[in-house]
């Protein structure tokens, strides 16, 4: 629902900081 407002997701392709594992963040 937030992606449709232009908010990038935490994970997934195109997500913020996608090259970091969740355990790092």
PDBML (XML) file of the C-alpha atoms, coordinates in Angstrom:
<?xml version="1.0" encoding="UTF-8" ?>
<PDBx:datablock datablockName="MODEL"
   xmlns:PDBx="http://pdbml.pdb.org/schema/pdbx-v50.xsd"
   xmlns:xsi="http://www.w3.org/2001/XMLSchema-instance"
   xsi:schemaLocation="http://pdbml.pdb.org/schema/pdbx-v50.xsd pdbx-v50.xsd">
   <PDBx:atom_siteCategory>
      <PDBx:atom_site id="1">
         <PDBx:B_iso_or_equiv>0.00</PDBx:B_iso_or_equiv>
         <PDBx:Cartn_x>0.000</PDBx:Cartn_x>
         <PDBx:Cartn_y>0.000</PDBx:Cartn_y>
         <PDBx:Cartn_z>0.000</PDBx:Cartn_z>
         <PDBx:auth_asym_id>A</PDBx:auth_asym_id>
         <PDBx:auth_atom_id>CA</PDBx:auth_atom_id>
         <PDBx:auth_comp_id>UNK</PDBx:auth_comp_id>
         <PDBx:auth_seq_id>1</PDBx:auth_seq_id>
         <PDBx:group_PDB>ATOM</PDBx:group_PDB>
         <PDBx:label_alt_id xsi:nil="true" />
         <PDBx:label_asym_id>A</PDBx:label_asym_id>
         <PDBx:label_atom_id>CA</PDBx:label_atom_id>
         <PDBx:label_comp_id>UNK</PDBx:label_comp_id>
         <PDBx:label_entity_id>1</PDBx:label_entity_id>
         <PDBx:label_seq_id>1</PDBx:label_seq_id>
         <PDBx:occupancy>1.00</PDBx:occupancy>
         <PDBx:pdbx_PDB_model_num>1</PDBx:pdbx_PDB_model_num>
         <PDBx:type_symbol>C</PDBx:type_symbol>
      </PDBx:atom_site>
      <PDBx:atom_site id="2">
         <PDBx:B_iso_or_equiv>0.00</PDBx:B_iso_or_equiv>
         <PDBx:Cartn_x>2.957</PDBx:Cartn_x>
         <PDBx:Cartn_y>2.331</PDBx:Cartn_y>
         <PDBx:Cartn_z>0.663</PDBx:Cartn_z>
         <PDBx:auth_asym_id>A</PDBx:auth_asym_id>
         <PDBx:auth_atom_id>CA</PDBx:auth_atom_id>
         <PDBx:auth_comp_id>UNK</PDBx:auth_comp_id>
         <PDBx:auth_seq_id>2</PDBx:auth_seq_id>
         <PDBx:group_PDB>ATOM</PDBx:group_PDB>
         <PDBx:label_alt_id xsi:nil="true" />
         <PDBx:label_asym_id>A</PDBx:label_asym_id>
         <PDBx:label_atom_id>CA</PDBx:label_atom_id>
         <PDBx:label_comp_id>UNK</PDBx:label_comp_id>
         <PDBx:label_entity_id>1</PDBx:label_entity_id>
         <PDBx:label_seq_id>2</PDBx:label_seq_id>
         <PDBx:occupancy>1.00</PDBx:occupancy>
         <PDBx:pdbx_PDB_model_num>1</PDBx:pdbx_PDB_model_num>
         <PDBx:type_symbol>C</PDBx:type_symbol>
      </PDBx:atom_site>
      <PDBx:atom_site id="3">
         <PDBx:B_iso_or_equiv>0.00</PDBx:B_iso_or_equiv>
         <PDBx:Cartn_x>4.826</PDBx:Cartn_x>
         <PDBx:Cartn_y>1.455</PDBx:Cartn_y>
         <PDBx:Cartn_z>-2.531</PDBx:Cartn_z>
         <PDBx:auth_asym_id>A</PDBx:auth_asym_id>
         <PDBx:auth_atom_id>CA</PDBx:auth_atom_id>
         <PDBx:auth_comp_id>UNK</PDBx:auth_comp_id>
         <PDBx:auth_seq_id>3</PDBx:auth_seq_id>
         <PDBx:group_PDB>ATOM</PDBx:group_PDB>
         <PDBx:label_alt_id xsi:nil="true" />
         <PDBx:label_asym_id>A</PDBx:label_asym_id>
         <PDBx:label_atom_id>CA</PDBx:label_atom_id>
         <PDBx:label_comp_id>UNK</PDBx:label_comp_id>
         <PDBx:label_entity_id>1</PDBx:label_entity_id>
         <PDBx:label_seq_id>3</PDBx:label_seq_id>
         <PDBx:occupancy>1.00</PDBx:occupancy>
         <PDBx:pdbx_PDB_model_num>1</PDBx:pdbx_PDB_model_num>
         <PDBx:type_symbol>C</PDBx:type_symbol>
      </PDBx:atom_site>
      <PDBx:atom_site id="4">
         <PDBx:B_iso_or_equiv>0.00</PDBx:B_iso_or_equiv>
         <PDBx:Cartn_x>1.966</PDBx:Cartn_x>
         <PDBx:Cartn_y>3.058</PDBx:Cartn_y>
         <PDBx:Cartn_z>-4.461</PDBx:Cartn_z>
         <PDBx:auth_asym_id>A</PDBx:auth_asym_id>
         <PDBx:auth_atom_id>CA</PDBx:auth_atom_id>
         <PDBx:auth_comp_id>UNK</PDBx:auth_comp_id>
         <PDBx:auth_seq_id>4</PDBx:auth_seq_id>
         <PDBx:group_PDB>ATOM</PDBx:group_PDB>
         <PDBx:label_alt_id xsi:nil="true" />
         <PDBx:label_asym_id>A</PDBx:label_asym_id>
         <PDBx:label_atom_id>CA</PDBx:label_atom_id>
         <PDBx:label_comp_id>UNK</PDBx:label_comp_id>
         <PDBx:label_entity_id>1</PDBx:label_entity_id>
         <PDBx:label_seq_id>4</PDBx:label_seq_id>
         <PDBx:occupancy>1.00</PDBx:occupancy>
         <PDBx:pdbx_PDB_model_num>1</PDBx:pdbx_PDB_model_num>
         <PDBx:type_symbol>C</PDBx:type_symbol>
      </PDBx:atom_site>
      <PDBx:atom_site id="5">
         <PDBx:B_iso_or_equiv>0.00</PDBx:B_iso_or_equiv>
         <PDBx:Cartn_x>2.809</PDBx:Cartn_x>
         <PDBx:Cartn_y>6.320</PDBx:Cartn_y>
         <PDBx:Cartn_z>-2.672</PDBx:Cartn_z>
         <PDBx:auth_asym_id>A</PDBx:auth_asym_id>
         <PDBx:auth_atom_id>CA</PDBx:auth_atom_id>
         <PDBx:auth_comp_id>UNK</PDBx:auth_comp_id>
         <PDBx:auth_seq_id>5</PDBx:auth_seq_id>
         <PDBx:group_PDB>ATOM</PDBx:group_PDB>
         <PDBx:label_alt_id xsi:nil="true" />
         <PDBx:label_asym_id>A</PDBx:label_asym_id>
         <PDBx:label_atom_id>CA</PDBx:label_atom_id>
         <PDBx:label_comp_id>UNK</PDBx:label_comp_id>
         <PDBx:label_entity_id>1</PDBx:label_entity_id>
         <PDBx:label_seq_id>5</PDBx:label_seq_id>
         <PDBx:occupancy>1.00</PDBx:occupancy>
         <PDBx:pdbx_PDB_model_num>1</PDBx:pdbx_PDB_model_num>
         <PDBx:type_symbol>C</PDBx:type_symbol>
      </PDBx:atom_site>
      <PDBx:atom_site id="6">
         <PDBx:B_iso_or_equiv>0.00</PDBx:B_iso_or_equiv>
         <PDBx:Cartn_x>6.359</PDBx:Cartn_x>
         <PDBx:Cartn_y>6.074</PDBx:Cartn_y>
         <PDBx:Cartn_z>-4.018</PDBx:Cartn_z>
         <PDBx:auth_asym_id>A</PDBx:auth_asym_id>
         <PDBx:auth_atom_id>CA</PDBx:auth_atom_id>
         <PDBx:auth_comp_id>UNK</PDBx:auth_comp_id>
         <PDBx:auth_seq_id>6</PDBx:auth_seq_id>
         <PDBx:group_PDB>ATOM</PDBx:group_PDB>
         <PDBx:label_alt_id xsi:nil="true" />
         <PDBx:label_asym_id>A</PDBx:label_asym_id>
         <PDBx:label_atom_id>CA</PDBx:label_atom_id>
         <PDBx:label_comp_id>UNK</PDBx:label_comp_id>
         <PDBx:label_entity_id>1</PDBx:label_entity_id>
         <PDBx:label_seq_id>6</PDBx:label_seq_id>
         <PDBx:occupancy>1.00</PDBx:occupancy>
         <PDBx:pdbx_PDB_model_num>1</PDBx:pdbx_PDB_model_num>
         <PDBx:type_symbol>C</PDBx:type_symbol>
      </PDBx:atom_site>
      <PDBx:atom_site id="7">
         <PDBx:B_iso_or_equiv>0.00</PDBx:B_iso_or_equiv>
         <PDBx:Cartn_x>7.893</PDBx:Cartn_x>
         <PDBx:Cartn_y>4.747</PDBx:Cartn_y>
         <PDBx:Cartn_z>-0.820</PDBx:Cartn_z>
         <PDBx:auth_asym_id>A</PDBx:auth_asym_id>
         <PDBx:auth_atom_id>CA</PDBx:auth_atom_id>
         <PDBx:auth_comp_id>UNK</PDBx:auth_comp_id>
         <PDBx:auth_seq_id>7</PDBx:auth_seq_id>
         <PDBx:group_PDB>ATOM</PDBx:group_PDB>
         <PDBx:label_alt_id xsi:nil="true" />
         <PDBx:label_asym_id>A</PDBx:label_asym_id>
         <PDBx:label_atom_id>CA</PDBx:label_atom_id>
         <PDBx:label_comp_id>UNK</PDBx:label_comp_id>
         <PDBx:label_entity_id>1</PDBx:label_entity_id>
         <PDBx:label_seq_id>7</PDBx:label_seq_id>
         <PDBx:occupancy>1.00</PDBx:occupancy>
         <PDBx:pdbx_PDB_model_num>1</PDBx:pdbx_PDB_model_num>
         <PDBx:type_symbol>C</PDBx:type_symbol>
      </PDBx:atom_site>
      <PDBx:atom_site id="8">
         <PDBx:B_iso_or_equiv>0.00</PDBx:B_iso_or_equiv>
         <PDBx:Cartn_x>10.660</PDBx:Cartn_x>
         <PDBx:Cartn_y>2.271</PDBx:Cartn_y>
         <PDBx:Cartn_z>-1.528</PDBx:Cartn_z>
         <PDBx:auth_asym_id>A</PDBx:auth_asym_id>
         <PDBx:auth_atom_id>CA</PDBx:auth_atom_id>
         <PDBx:auth_comp_id>UNK</PDBx:auth_comp_id>
         <PDBx:auth_seq_id>8</PDBx:auth_seq_id>
         <PDBx:group_PDB>ATOM</PDBx:group_PDB>
         <PDBx:label_alt_id xsi:nil="true" />
         <PDBx:label_asym_id>A</PDBx:label_asym_id>
         <PDBx:label_atom_id>CA</PDBx:label_atom_id>
         <PDBx:label_comp_id>UNK</PDBx:label_comp_id>
         <PDBx:label_entity_id>1</PDBx:label_entity_id>
         <PDBx:label_seq_id>8</PDBx:label_seq_id>
         <PDBx:occupancy>1.00</PDBx:occupancy>
         <PDBx:pdbx_PDB_model_num>1</PDBx:pdbx_PDB_model_num>
         <PDBx:type_symbol>C</PDBx:type_symbol>
      </PDBx:atom_site>
      <PDBx:atom_site id="9">
         <PDBx:B_iso_or_equiv>0.00</PDBx:B_iso_or_equiv>
         <PDBx:Cartn_x>10.588</PDBx:Cartn_x>
         <PDBx:Cartn_y>-1.046</PDBx:Cartn_y>
         <PDBx:Cartn_z>0.274</PDBx:Cartn_z>
         <PDBx:auth_asym_id>A</PDBx:auth_asym_id>
         <PDBx:auth_atom_id>CA</PDBx:auth_atom_id>
         <PDBx:auth_comp_id>UNK</PDBx:auth_comp_id>
         <PDBx:auth_seq_id>9</PDBx:auth_seq_id>
         <PDBx:group_PDB>ATOM</PDBx:group_PDB>
         <PDBx:label_alt_id xsi:nil="true" />
         <PDBx:label_asym_id>A</PDBx:label_asym_id>
         <PDBx:label_atom_id>CA</PDBx:label_atom_id>
         <PDBx:label_comp_id>UNK</PDBx:label_comp_id>
         <PDBx:label_entity_id>1</PDBx:label_entity_id>
         <PDBx:label_seq_id>9</PDBx:label_seq_id>
         <PDBx:occupancy>1.00</PDBx:occupancy>
         <PDBx:pdbx_PDB_model_num>1</PDBx:pdbx_PDB_model_num>
         <PDBx:type_symbol>C</PDBx:type_symbol>
      </PDBx:atom_site>
      <PDBx:atom_site id="10">
         <PDBx:B_iso_or_equiv>0.00</PDBx:B_iso_or_equiv>
         <PDBx:Cartn_x>13.185</PDBx:Cartn_x>
         <PDBx:Cartn_y>-2.324</PDBx:Cartn_y>
         <PDBx:Cartn_z>2.703</PDBx:Cartn_z>
         <PDBx:auth_asym_id>A</PDBx:auth_asym_id>
         <PDBx:auth_atom_id>CA</PDBx:auth_atom_id>
         <PDBx:auth_comp_id>UNK</PDBx:auth_comp_id>
         <PDBx:auth_seq_id>10</PDBx:auth_seq_id>
         <PDBx:group_PDB>ATOM</PDBx:group_PDB>
         <PDBx:label_alt_id xsi:nil="true" />
         <PDBx:label_asym_id>A</PDBx:label_asym_id>
         <PDBx:label_atom_id>CA</PDBx:label_atom_id>
         <PDBx:label_comp_id>UNK</PDBx:label_comp_id>
         <PDBx:label_entity_id>1</PDBx:label_entity_id>
         <PDBx:label_seq_id>10</PDBx:label_seq_id>
         <PDBx:occupancy>1.00</PDBx:occupancy>
         <PDBx:pdbx_PDB_model_num>1</PDBx:pdbx_PDB_model_num>
         <PDBx:type_symbol>C</PDBx:type_symbol>
      </PDBx:atom_site>
      <PDBx:atom_site id="11">
         <PDBx:B_iso_or_equiv>0.00</PDBx:B_iso_or_equiv>
         <PDBx:Cartn_x>13.810</PDBx:Cartn_x>
         <PDBx:Cartn_y>-5.519</PDBx:Cartn_y>
         <PDBx:Cartn_z>0.769</PDBx:Cartn_z>
         <PDBx:auth_asym_id>A</PDBx:auth_asym_id>
         <PDBx:auth_atom_id>CA</PDBx:auth_atom_id>
         <PDBx:auth_comp_id>UNK</PDBx:auth_comp_id>
         <PDBx:auth_seq_id>11</PDBx:auth_seq_id>
         <PDBx:group_PDB>ATOM</PDBx:group_PDB>
         <PDBx:label_alt_id xsi:nil="true" />
         <PDBx:label_asym_id>A</PDBx:label_asym_id>
         <PDBx:label_atom_id>CA</PDBx:label_atom_id>
         <PDBx:label_comp_id>UNK</PDBx:label_comp_id>
         <PDBx:label_entity_id>1</PDBx:label_entity_id>
         <PDBx:label_seq_id>11</PDBx:label_seq_id>
         <PDBx:occupancy>1.00</PDBx:occupancy>
         <PDBx:pdbx_PDB_model_num>1</PDBx:pdbx_PDB_model_num>
         <PDBx:type_symbol>C</PDBx:type_symbol>
      </PDBx:atom_site>
      <PDBx:atom_site id="12">
         <PDBx:B_iso_or_equiv>0.00</PDBx:B_iso_or_equiv>
         <PDBx:Cartn_x>13.293</PDBx:Cartn_x>
         <PDBx:Cartn_y>-6.776</PDBx:Cartn_y>
         <PDBx:Cartn_z>-2.769</PDBx:Cartn_z>
         <PDBx:auth_asym_id>A</PDBx:auth_asym_id>
         <PDBx:auth_atom_id>CA</PDBx:auth_atom_id>
         <PDBx:auth_comp_id>UNK</PDBx:auth_comp_id>
         <PDBx:auth_seq_id>12</PDBx:auth_seq_id>
         <PDBx:group_PDB>ATOM</PDBx:group_PDB>
         <PDBx:label_alt_id xsi:nil="true" />
         <PDBx:label_asym_id>A</PDBx:label_asym_id>
         <PDBx:label_atom_id>CA</PDBx:label_atom_id>
         <PDBx:label_comp_id>UNK</PDBx:label_comp_id>
         <PDBx:label_entity_id>1</PDBx:label_entity_id>
         <PDBx:label_seq_id>12</PDBx:label_seq_id>
         <PDBx:occupancy>1.00</PDBx:occupancy>
         <PDBx:pdbx_PDB_model_num>1</PDBx:pdbx_PDB_model_num>
         <PDBx:type_symbol>C</PDBx:type_symbol>
      </PDBx:atom_site>
      <PDBx:atom_site id="13">
         <PDBx:B_iso_or_equiv>0.00</PDBx:B_iso_or_equiv>
         <PDBx:Cartn_x>14.536</PDBx:Cartn_x>
         <PDBx:Cartn_y>-5.591</PDBx:Cartn_y>
         <PDBx:Cartn_z>-6.135</PDBx:Cartn_z>
         <PDBx:auth_asym_id>A</PDBx:auth_asym_id>
         <PDBx:auth_atom_id>CA</PDBx:auth_atom_id>
         <PDBx:auth_comp_id>UNK</PDBx:auth_comp_id>
         <PDBx:auth_seq_id>13</PDBx:auth_seq_id>
         <PDBx:group_PDB>ATOM</PDBx:group_PDB>
         <PDBx:label_alt_id xsi:nil="true" />
         <PDBx:label_asym_id>A</PDBx:label_asym_id>
         <PDBx:label_atom_id>CA</PDBx:label_atom_id>
         <PDBx:label_comp_id>UNK</PDBx:label_comp_id>
         <PDBx:label_entity_id>1</PDBx:label_entity_id>
         <PDBx:label_seq_id>13</PDBx:label_seq_id>
         <PDBx:occupancy>1.00</PDBx:occupancy>
         <PDBx:pdbx_PDB_model_num>1</PDBx:pdbx_PDB_model_num>
         <PDBx:type_symbol>C</PDBx:type_symbol>
      </PDBx:atom_site>
      <PDBx:atom_site id="14">
         <PDBx:B_iso_or_equiv>0.00</PDBx:B_iso_or_equiv>
         <PDBx:Cartn_x>14.804</PDBx:Cartn_x>
         <PDBx:Cartn_y>-1.829</PDBx:Cartn_y>
         <PDBx:Cartn_z>-6.111</PDBx:Cartn_z>
         <PDBx:auth_asym_id>A</PDBx:auth_asym_id>
         <PDBx:auth_atom_id>CA</PDBx:auth_atom_id>
         <PDBx:auth_comp_id>UNK</PDBx:auth_comp_id>
         <PDBx:auth_seq_id>14</PDBx:auth_seq_id>
         <PDBx:group_PDB>ATOM</PDBx:group_PDB>
         <PDBx:label_alt_id xsi:nil="true" />
         <PDBx:label_asym_id>A</PDBx:label_asym_id>
         <PDBx:label_atom_id>CA</PDBx:label_atom_id>
         <PDBx:label_comp_id>UNK</PDBx:label_comp_id>
         <PDBx:label_entity_id>1</PDBx:label_entity_id>
         <PDBx:label_seq_id>14</PDBx:label_seq_id>
         <PDBx:occupancy>1.00</PDBx:occupancy>
         <PDBx:pdbx_PDB_model_num>1</PDBx:pdbx_PDB_model_num>
         <PDBx:type_symbol>C</PDBx:type_symbol>
      </PDBx:atom_site>
      <PDBx:atom_site id="15">
         <PDBx:B_iso_or_equiv>0.00</PDBx:B_iso_or_equiv>
         <PDBx:Cartn_x>14.510</PDBx:Cartn_x>
         <PDBx:Cartn_y>-1.717</PDBx:Cartn_y>
         <PDBx:Cartn_z>-2.324</PDBx:Cartn_z>
         <PDBx:auth_asym_id>A</PDBx:auth_asym_id>
         <PDBx:auth_atom_id>CA</PDBx:auth_atom_id>
         <PDBx:auth_comp_id>UNK</PDBx:auth_comp_id>
         <PDBx:auth_seq_id>15</PDBx:auth_seq_id>
         <PDBx:group_PDB>ATOM</PDBx:group_PDB>
         <PDBx:label_alt_id xsi:nil="true" />
         <PDBx:label_asym_id>A</PDBx:label_asym_id>
         <PDBx:label_atom_id>CA</PDBx:label_atom_id>
         <PDBx:label_comp_id>UNK</PDBx:label_comp_id>
         <PDBx:label_entity_id>1</PDBx:label_entity_id>
         <PDBx:label_seq_id>15</PDBx:label_seq_id>
         <PDBx:occupancy>1.00</PDBx:occupancy>
         <PDBx:pdbx_PDB_model_num>1</PDBx:pdbx_PDB_model_num>
         <PDBx:type_symbol>C</PDBx:type_symbol>
      </PDBx:atom_site>
      <PDBx:atom_site id="16">
         <PDBx:B_iso_or_equiv>0.00</PDBx:B_iso_or_equiv>
         <PDBx:Cartn_x>16.556</PDBx:Cartn_x>
         <PDBx:Cartn_y>0.573</PDBx:Cartn_y>
         <PDBx:Cartn_z>-0.148</PDBx:Cartn_z>
         <PDBx:auth_asym_id>A</PDBx:auth_asym_id>
         <PDBx:auth_atom_id>CA</PDBx:auth_atom_id>
         <PDBx:auth_comp_id>UNK</PDBx:auth_comp_id>
         <PDBx:auth_seq_id>16</PDBx:auth_seq_id>
         <PDBx:group_PDB>ATOM</PDBx:group_PDB>
         <PDBx:label_alt_id xsi:nil="true" />
         <PDBx:label_asym_id>A</PDBx:label_asym_id>
         <PDBx:label_atom_id>CA</PDBx:label_atom_id>
         <PDBx:label_comp_id>UNK</PDBx:label_comp_id>
         <PDBx:label_entity_id>1</PDBx:label_entity_id>
         <PDBx:label_seq_id>16</PDBx:label_seq_id>
         <PDBx:occupancy>1.00</PDBx:occupancy>
         <PDBx:pdbx_PDB_model_num>1</PDBx:pdbx_PDB_model_num>
         <PDBx:type_symbol>C</PDBx:type_symbol>
      </PDBx:atom_site>
      <PDBx:atom_site id="17">
         <PDBx:B_iso_or_equiv>0.00</PDBx:B_iso_or_equiv>
         <PDBx:Cartn_x>19.961</PDBx:Cartn_x>
         <PDBx:Cartn_y>-0.819</PDBx:Cartn_y>
         <PDBx:Cartn_z>0.768</PDBx:Cartn_z>
         <PDBx:auth_asym_id>A</PDBx:auth_asym_id>
         <PDBx:auth_atom_id>CA</PDBx:auth_atom_id>
         <PDBx:auth_comp_id>UNK</PDBx:auth_comp_id>
         <PDBx:auth_seq_id>17</PDBx:auth_seq_id>
         <PDBx:group_PDB>ATOM</PDBx:group_PDB>
         <PDBx:label_alt_id xsi:nil="true" />
         <PDBx:label_asym_id>A</PDBx:label_asym_id>
         <PDBx:label_atom_id>CA</PDBx:label_atom_id>
         <PDBx:label_comp_id>UNK</PDBx:label_comp_id>
         <PDBx:label_entity_id>1</PDBx:label_entity_id>
         <PDBx:label_seq_id>17</PDBx:label_seq_id>
         <PDBx:occupancy>1.00</PDBx:occupancy>
         <PDBx:pdbx_PDB_model_num>1</PDBx:pdbx_PDB_model_num>
         <PDBx:type_symbol>C</PDBx:type_symbol>
      </PDBx:atom_site>
      <PDBx:atom_site id="18">
         <PDBx:B_iso_or_equiv>0.00</PDBx:B_iso_or_equiv>
         <PDBx:Cartn_x>19.179</PDBx:Cartn_x>
         <PDBx:Cartn_y>-4.076</PDBx:Cartn_y>
         <PDBx:Cartn_z>-1.032</PDBx:Cartn_z>
         <PDBx:auth_asym_id>A</PDBx:auth_asym_id>
         <PDBx:auth_atom_id>CA</PDBx:auth_atom_id>
         <PDBx:auth_comp_id>UNK</PDBx:auth_comp_id>
         <PDBx:auth_seq_id>18</PDBx:auth_seq_id>
         <PDBx:group_PDB>ATOM</PDBx:group_PDB>
         <PDBx:label_alt_id xsi:nil="true" />
         <PDBx:label_asym_id>A</PDBx:label_asym_id>
         <PDBx:label_atom_id>CA</PDBx:label_atom_id>
         <PDBx:label_comp_id>UNK</PDBx:label_comp_id>
         <PDBx:label_entity_id>1</PDBx:label_entity_id>
         <PDBx:label_seq_id>18</PDBx:label_seq_id>
         <PDBx:occupancy>1.00</PDBx:occupancy>
         <PDBx:pdbx_PDB_model_num>1</PDBx:pdbx_PDB_model_num>
         <PDBx:type_symbol>C</PDBx:type_symbol>
      </PDBx:atom_site>
      <PDBx:atom_site id="19">
         <PDBx:B_iso_or_equiv>0.00</PDBx:B_iso_or_equiv>
         <PDBx:Cartn_x>22.851</PDBx:Cartn_x>
         <PDBx:Cartn_y>-5.085</PDBx:Cartn_y>
         <PDBx:Cartn_z>-1.050</PDBx:Cartn_z>
         <PDBx:auth_asym_id>A</PDBx:auth_asym_id>
         <PDBx:auth_atom_id>CA</PDBx:auth_atom_id>
         <PDBx:auth_comp_id>UNK</PDBx:auth_comp_id>
         <PDBx:auth_seq_id>19</PDBx:auth_seq_id>
         <PDBx:group_PDB>ATOM</PDBx:group_PDB>
         <PDBx:label_alt_id xsi:nil="true" />
         <PDBx:label_asym_id>A</PDBx:label_asym_id>
         <PDBx:label_atom_id>CA</PDBx:label_atom_id>
         <PDBx:label_comp_id>UNK</PDBx:label_comp_id>
         <PDBx:label_entity_id>1</PDBx:label_entity_id>
         <PDBx:label_seq_id>19</PDBx:label_seq_id>
         <PDBx:occupancy>1.00</PDBx:occupancy>
         <PDBx:pdbx_PDB_model_num>1</PDBx:pdbx_PDB_model_num>
         <PDBx:type_symbol>C</PDBx:type_symbol>
      </PDBx:atom_site>
      <PDBx:atom_site id="20">
         <PDBx:B_iso_or_equiv>0.00</PDBx:B_iso_or_equiv>
         <PDBx:Cartn_x>22.867</PDBx:Cartn_x>
         <PDBx:Cartn_y>-5.371</PDBx:Cartn_y>
         <PDBx:Cartn_z>2.744</PDBx:Cartn_z>
         <PDBx:auth_asym_id>A</PDBx:auth_asym_id>
         <PDBx:auth_atom_id>CA</PDBx:auth_atom_id>
         <PDBx:auth_comp_id>UNK</PDBx:auth_comp_id>
         <PDBx:auth_seq_id>20</PDBx:auth_seq_id>
         <PDBx:group_PDB>ATOM</PDBx:group_PDB>
         <PDBx:label_alt_id xsi:nil="true" />
         <PDBx:label_asym_id>A</PDBx:label_asym_id>
         <PDBx:label_atom_id>CA</PDBx:label_atom_id>
         <PDBx:label_comp_id>UNK</PDBx:label_comp_id>
         <PDBx:label_entity_id>1</PDBx:label_entity_id>
         <PDBx:label_seq_id>20</PDBx:label_seq_id>
         <PDBx:occupancy>1.00</PDBx:occupancy>
         <PDBx:pdbx_PDB_model_num>1</PDBx:pdbx_PDB_model_num>
         <PDBx:type_symbol>C</PDBx:type_symbol>
      </PDBx:atom_site>
      <PDBx:atom_site id="21">
         <PDBx:B_iso_or_equiv>0.00</PDBx:B_iso_or_equiv>
         <PDBx:Cartn_x>21.482</PDBx:Cartn_x>
         <PDBx:Cartn_y>-8.367</PDBx:Cartn_y>
         <PDBx:Cartn_z>4.595</PDBx:Cartn_z>
         <PDBx:auth_asym_id>A</PDBx:auth_asym_id>
         <PDBx:auth_atom_id>CA</PDBx:auth_atom_id>
         <PDBx:auth_comp_id>UNK</PDBx:auth_comp_id>
         <PDBx:auth_seq_id>21</PDBx:auth_seq_id>
         <PDBx:group_PDB>ATOM</PDBx:group_PDB>
         <PDBx:label_alt_id xsi:nil="true" />
         <PDBx:label_asym_id>A</PDBx:label_asym_id>
         <PDBx:label_atom_id>CA</PDBx:label_atom_id>
         <PDBx:label_comp_id>UNK</PDBx:label_comp_id>
         <PDBx:label_entity_id>1</PDBx:label_entity_id>
         <PDBx:label_seq_id>21</PDBx:label_seq_id>
         <PDBx:occupancy>1.00</PDBx:occupancy>
         <PDBx:pdbx_PDB_model_num>1</PDBx:pdbx_PDB_model_num>
         <PDBx:type_symbol>C</PDBx:type_symbol>
      </PDBx:atom_site>
      <PDBx:atom_site id="22">
         <PDBx:B_iso_or_equiv>0.00</PDBx:B_iso_or_equiv>
         <PDBx:Cartn_x>18.684</PDBx:Cartn_x>
         <PDBx:Cartn_y>-7.779</PDBx:Cartn_y>
         <PDBx:Cartn_z>7.088</PDBx:Cartn_z>
         <PDBx:auth_asym_id>A</PDBx:auth_asym_id>
         <PDBx:auth_atom_id>CA</PDBx:auth_atom_id>
         <PDBx:auth_comp_id>UNK</PDBx:auth_comp_id>
         <PDBx:auth_seq_id>22</PDBx:auth_seq_id>
         <PDBx:group_PDB>ATOM</PDBx:group_PDB>
         <PDBx:label_alt_id xsi:nil="true" />
         <PDBx:label_asym_id>A</PDBx:label_asym_id>
         <PDBx:label_atom_id>CA</PDBx:label_atom_id>
         <PDBx:label_comp_id>UNK</PDBx:label_comp_id>
         <PDBx:label_entity_id>1</PDBx:label_entity_id>
         <PDBx:label_seq_id>22</PDBx:label_seq_id>
         <PDBx:occupancy>1.00</PDBx:occupancy>
         <PDBx:pdbx_PDB_model_num>1</PDBx:pdbx_PDB_model_num>
         <PDBx:type_symbol>C</PDBx:type_symbol>
      </PDBx:atom_site>
      <PDBx:atom_site id="23">
         <PDBx:B_iso_or_equiv>0.00</PDBx:B_iso_or_equiv>
         <PDBx:Cartn_x>21.036</PDBx:Cartn_x>
         <PDBx:Cartn_y>-8.905</PDBx:Cartn_y>
         <PDBx:Cartn_z>9.843</PDBx:Cartn_z>
         <PDBx:auth_asym_id>A</PDBx:auth_asym_id>
         <PDBx:auth_atom_id>CA</PDBx:auth_atom_id>
         <PDBx:auth_comp_id>UNK</PDBx:auth_comp_id>
         <PDBx:auth_seq_id>23</PDBx:auth_seq_id>
         <PDBx:group_PDB>ATOM</PDBx:group_PDB>
         <PDBx:label_alt_id xsi:nil="true" />
         <PDBx:label_asym_id>A</PDBx:label_asym_id>
         <PDBx:label_atom_id>CA</PDBx:label_atom_id>
         <PDBx:label_comp_id>UNK</PDBx:label_comp_id>
         <PDBx:label_entity_id>1</PDBx:label_entity_id>
         <PDBx:label_seq_id>23</PDBx:label_seq_id>
         <PDBx:occupancy>1.00</PDBx:occupancy>
         <PDBx:pdbx_PDB_model_num>1</PDBx:pdbx_PDB_model_num>
         <PDBx:type_symbol>C</PDBx:type_symbol>
      </PDBx:atom_site>
      <PDBx:atom_site id="24">
         <PDBx:B_iso_or_equiv>0.00</PDBx:B_iso_or_equiv>
         <PDBx:Cartn_x>23.276</PDBx:Cartn_x>
         <PDBx:Cartn_y>-5.925</PDBx:Cartn_y>
         <PDBx:Cartn_z>9.024</PDBx:Cartn_z>
         <PDBx:auth_asym_id>A</PDBx:auth_asym_id>
         <PDBx:auth_atom_id>CA</PDBx:auth_atom_id>
         <PDBx:auth_comp_id>UNK</PDBx:auth_comp_id>
         <PDBx:auth_seq_id>24</PDBx:auth_seq_id>
         <PDBx:group_PDB>ATOM</PDBx:group_PDB>
         <PDBx:label_alt_id xsi:nil="true" />
         <PDBx:label_asym_id>A</PDBx:label_asym_id>
         <PDBx:label_atom_id>CA</PDBx:label_atom_id>
         <PDBx:label_comp_id>UNK</PDBx:label_comp_id>
         <PDBx:label_entity_id>1</PDBx:label_entity_id>
         <PDBx:label_seq_id>24</PDBx:label_seq_id>
         <PDBx:occupancy>1.00</PDBx:occupancy>
         <PDBx:pdbx_PDB_model_num>1</PDBx:pdbx_PDB_model_num>
         <PDBx:type_symbol>C</PDBx:type_symbol>
      </PDBx:atom_site>
      <PDBx:atom_site id="25">
         <PDBx:B_iso_or_equiv>0.00</PDBx:B_iso_or_equiv>
         <PDBx:Cartn_x>20.507</PDBx:Cartn_x>
         <PDBx:Cartn_y>-3.381</PDBx:Cartn_y>
         <PDBx:Cartn_z>9.382</PDBx:Cartn_z>
         <PDBx:auth_asym_id>A</PDBx:auth_asym_id>
         <PDBx:auth_atom_id>CA</PDBx:auth_atom_id>
         <PDBx:auth_comp_id>UNK</PDBx:auth_comp_id>
         <PDBx:auth_seq_id>25</PDBx:auth_seq_id>
         <PDBx:group_PDB>ATOM</PDBx:group_PDB>
         <PDBx:label_alt_id xsi:nil="true" />
         <PDBx:label_asym_id>A</PDBx:label_asym_id>
         <PDBx:label_atom_id>CA</PDBx:label_atom_id>
         <PDBx:label_comp_id>UNK</PDBx:label_comp_id>
         <PDBx:label_entity_id>1</PDBx:label_entity_id>
         <PDBx:label_seq_id>25</PDBx:label_seq_id>
         <PDBx:occupancy>1.00</PDBx:occupancy>
         <PDBx:pdbx_PDB_model_num>1</PDBx:pdbx_PDB_model_num>
         <PDBx:type_symbol>C</PDBx:type_symbol>
      </PDBx:atom_site>
   </PDBx:atom_siteCategory>
</PDBx:datablock>
